[in-house]
Amino acid sequence: MSTSFHAEEQLGDLTYTMSCVVSDQQELVLDLLGLDSSGVVHADGRLHLPVKGGVVVGDLIMRVLRAHARMQPRTRPAPVNASEPWTPADEQTLRGAWTSTTGVKAVQLVRNLAEKLGRSKTAVRSRLSKLGLDPDVVGRVLAAESMDVLPDTPSDEGA
């Protein structure tokens, strides 16, 4: 008697199908097929393994694929104004939005401002601190003592 398992995943316009059959001869057969919406094959392969080797080989495949993924270039483009100096107008927009907005969590407002200003969330949080504003609490101004621990940086430095 043989047993089987079948799974399918959609990734973009590709559909990946993986099936696994354990035969009476204690052989594990894995079939992978990746098709686009027009039926063109983009991935195809078969592995024959002893049943006892399935878990070990599965772990090995996972490690190899994770290592491969880490070596791929960054897929997300840098924000439009990354590495550009902050302008007085940008700082005014940031300060105005931070001190006048209510009913929004800091995380959401940072995300919105980063998108609006073409900056990363980290850059927005950093600039809020440099402007004397608490990046964790919308509208809160940092105490003067808190400002003393921040490094002195000119307002036109990119962050």
Protein backbone atom coordinates (compact mmCIF):
# COMPACT_ATOMS: atom_id res chain seq x y z
CA MET A 1 0.00 0.00 0.00
CA SER A 2 1.33 3.47 -0.86
CA THR A 3 0.51 6.79 0.78
CA SER A 4 0.58 10.22 -0.81
CA PHE A 5 0.49 13.90 0.03
CA HIS A 6 -0.19 16.83 -2.28
CA ALA A 7 0.25 20.58 -1.74
CA GLU A 8 -0.06 23.64 -3.95
CA GLU A 9 1.20 27.22 -3.51
CA GLN A 10 0.63 30.32 -5.62
CA LEU A 11 3.59 32.70 -5.97
CA GLY A 12 2.87 35.62 -8.27
CA ASP A 13 1.59 34.13 -11.51
CA LEU A 14 3.27 30.76 -10.84
CA THR A 15 1.54 27.81 -9.25
CA TYR A 16 3.86 25.32 -7.56
CA THR A 17 2.64 21.80 -6.93
CA MET A 18 4.50 19.33 -4.73
CA SER A 19 3.44 15.74 -4.36
CA CYS A 20 4.98 13.05 -2.23
CA VAL A 21 4.33 9.36 -2.60
CA VAL A 22 5.67 6.63 -0.32
CA SER A 23 5.71 3.42 -2.27
CA ASP A 24 5.41 -0.16 -1.05
CA GLN A 25 9.16 -0.48 -1.55
CA GLN A 26 9.75 2.17 1.16
CA GLU A 27 10.84 4.75 -1.38
CA LEU A 28 9.85 8.40 -1.04
CA VAL A 29 9.18 10.08 -4.40
CA LEU A 30 8.87 13.87 -4.44
CA ASP A 31 7.60 15.64 -7.56
CA LEU A 32 7.74 19.43 -8.00
CA LEU A 33 6.06 21.30 -10.83
CA GLY A 34 5.85 25.06 -11.31
CA LEU A 35 3.52 26.40 -14.02
CA ASP A 36 2.49 29.89 -15.04
CA SER A 37 -1.12 30.74 -15.90
CA SER A 38 -0.62 29.78 -19.56
CA GLY A 39 0.75 26.34 -18.63
CA VAL A 40 4.44 27.04 -19.32
CA VAL A 41 6.70 24.97 -17.06
CA HIS A 42 9.10 27.06 -14.91
CA ALA A 43 10.11 24.39 -12.40
CA ASP A 44 10.20 20.63 -12.71
CA GLY A 45 11.95 17.97 -10.71
CA ARG A 46 11.77 14.58 -9.05
CA LEU A 47 13.65 13.15 -6.06
CA HIS A 48 13.80 9.48 -5.09
CA LEU A 49 14.81 8.94 -1.47
CA PRO A 50 14.75 6.15 1.06
CA VAL A 51 11.89 6.85 3.50
CA LYS A 52 14.33 7.18 6.39
CA GLY A 53 16.25 9.92 4.54
CA GLY A 54 13.28 12.18 3.88
CA VAL A 55 13.53 14.37 6.96
CA VAL A 56 17.31 14.80 6.71
CA VAL A 57 17.16 15.66 3.00
CA GLY A 58 14.22 18.02 3.65
CA ASP A 59 16.28 19.89 6.24
CA LEU A 60 19.22 20.03 3.84
CA ILE A 61 17.05 21.45 1.04
CA MET A 62 15.62 24.05 3.43
CA ARG A 63 19.10 25.17 4.56
CA VAL A 64 20.33 25.48 0.97
CA LEU A 65 17.28 27.47 -0.13
CA ARG A 66 17.51 29.82 2.89
CA ALA A 67 21.20 30.42 2.21
CA HIS A 68 20.37 31.15 -1.42
CA ALA A 69 17.64 33.62 -0.38
CA ARG A 70 20.08 35.49 1.89
CA MET A 71 22.50 35.93 -1.02
CA GLN A 72 19.89 37.55 -3.29
CA PRO A 73 20.00 41.30 -3.77
CA ARG A 74 17.57 43.45 -1.85
CA THR A 75 14.26 43.45 -3.68
CA ARG A 76 12.84 46.55 -2.02
CA PRO A 77 14.09 49.81 -3.53
CA ALA A 78 15.56 52.44 -1.23
CA PRO A 79 13.25 55.36 -0.38
CA VAL A 80 13.32 58.20 -2.90
CA ASN A 81 15.09 60.66 -0.59
CA ALA A 82 17.43 58.15 1.10
CA SER A 83 20.84 59.73 1.70
CA GLU A 84 19.54 63.15 0.66
CA PRO A 85 19.90 66.01 3.14
CA TRP A 86 16.81 66.92 5.15
CA THR A 87 15.47 70.27 3.96
CA PRO A 88 13.94 72.84 6.30
CA ALA A 89 10.60 72.18 4.53
CA ASP A 90 10.90 68.43 5.25
CA GLU A 91 11.64 69.15 8.91
CA GLN A 92 8.71 71.58 9.08
CA THR A 93 6.38 68.95 7.61
CA LEU A 94 7.68 66.35 10.04
CA ARG A 95 7.42 68.62 13.08
CA GLY A 96 3.97 69.90 12.11
CA ALA A 97 2.52 66.45 11.51
CA TRP A 98 4.06 65.01 14.70
CA THR A 99 2.83 67.79 16.98
CA SER A 100 -0.65 68.25 15.49
CA THR A 101 -1.81 64.69 14.78
CA THR A 102 -4.07 62.96 17.29
CA GLY A 103 -5.66 59.54 17.51
CA VAL A 104 -2.89 57.76 15.59
CA LYS A 105 -0.28 55.41 17.01
CA ALA A 106 3.35 56.46 16.64
CA VAL A 107 4.20 53.41 14.52
CA GLN A 108 1.48 54.25 11.99
CA LEU A 109 2.35 57.95 11.84
CA VAL A 110 6.05 57.16 11.35
CA ARG A 111 5.10 54.82 8.49
CA ASN A 112 2.86 57.47 6.90
CA LEU A 113 5.46 60.21 7.24
CA ALA A 114 8.22 57.97 5.87
CA GLU A 115 6.13 57.30 2.79
CA LYS A 116 5.13 60.96 2.36
CA LEU A 117 8.70 62.25 2.78
CA GLY A 118 10.38 59.48 0.78
CA ARG A 119 12.42 58.34 3.80
CA SER A 120 12.86 55.12 5.74
CA LYS A 121 11.01 54.67 9.02
CA THR A 122 14.39 54.66 10.78
CA ALA A 123 15.32 58.00 9.19
CA VAL A 124 12.01 59.56 10.30
CA ARG A 125 12.43 58.31 13.88
CA SER A 126 16.01 59.59 13.97
CA ARG A 127 15.04 63.02 12.62
CA LEU A 128 12.17 63.29 15.14
CA SER A 129 14.68 62.79 17.97
CA LYS A 130 17.04 65.35 16.45
CA LEU A 131 14.14 67.81 16.29
CA GLY A 132 13.47 67.28 20.00
CA LEU A 133 10.38 65.12 19.49
CA ASP A 134 9.76 61.72 21.08
CA PRO A 135 9.54 59.16 18.23
CA ASP A 136 7.61 56.76 20.48
CA VAL A 137 4.78 59.13 21.51
CA VAL A 138 2.96 61.29 18.97
CA GLY A 139 3.09 64.96 19.96
CA ARG A 140 5.48 64.55 22.90
CA VAL A 141 8.41 66.96 23.05
CA LEU A 142 11.62 65.59 24.54
CA ALA A 143 12.92 67.21 27.72
CA ALA A 144 16.07 69.32 27.34
CA GLU A 145 18.00 66.72 29.36
CA SER A 146 17.11 64.08 26.76
CA MET A 147 18.42 66.29 24.00
CA ASP A 148 21.83 66.45 25.67
CA VAL A 149 22.43 62.75 25.03
CA LEU A 150 21.80 63.07 21.29
CA PRO A 151 24.82 63.82 19.11
CA ASP A 152 25.11 67.26 17.59
CA THR A 153 24.33 67.07 13.88
CA PRO A 154 23.55 69.81 11.43
CA SER A 155 19.93 69.86 10.25
CA ASP A 156 20.96 69.31 6.63
CA GLU A 157 22.66 65.96 7.32
CA GLY A 158 20.92 63.04 5.62
CA ALA A 159 19.48 60.42 7.99
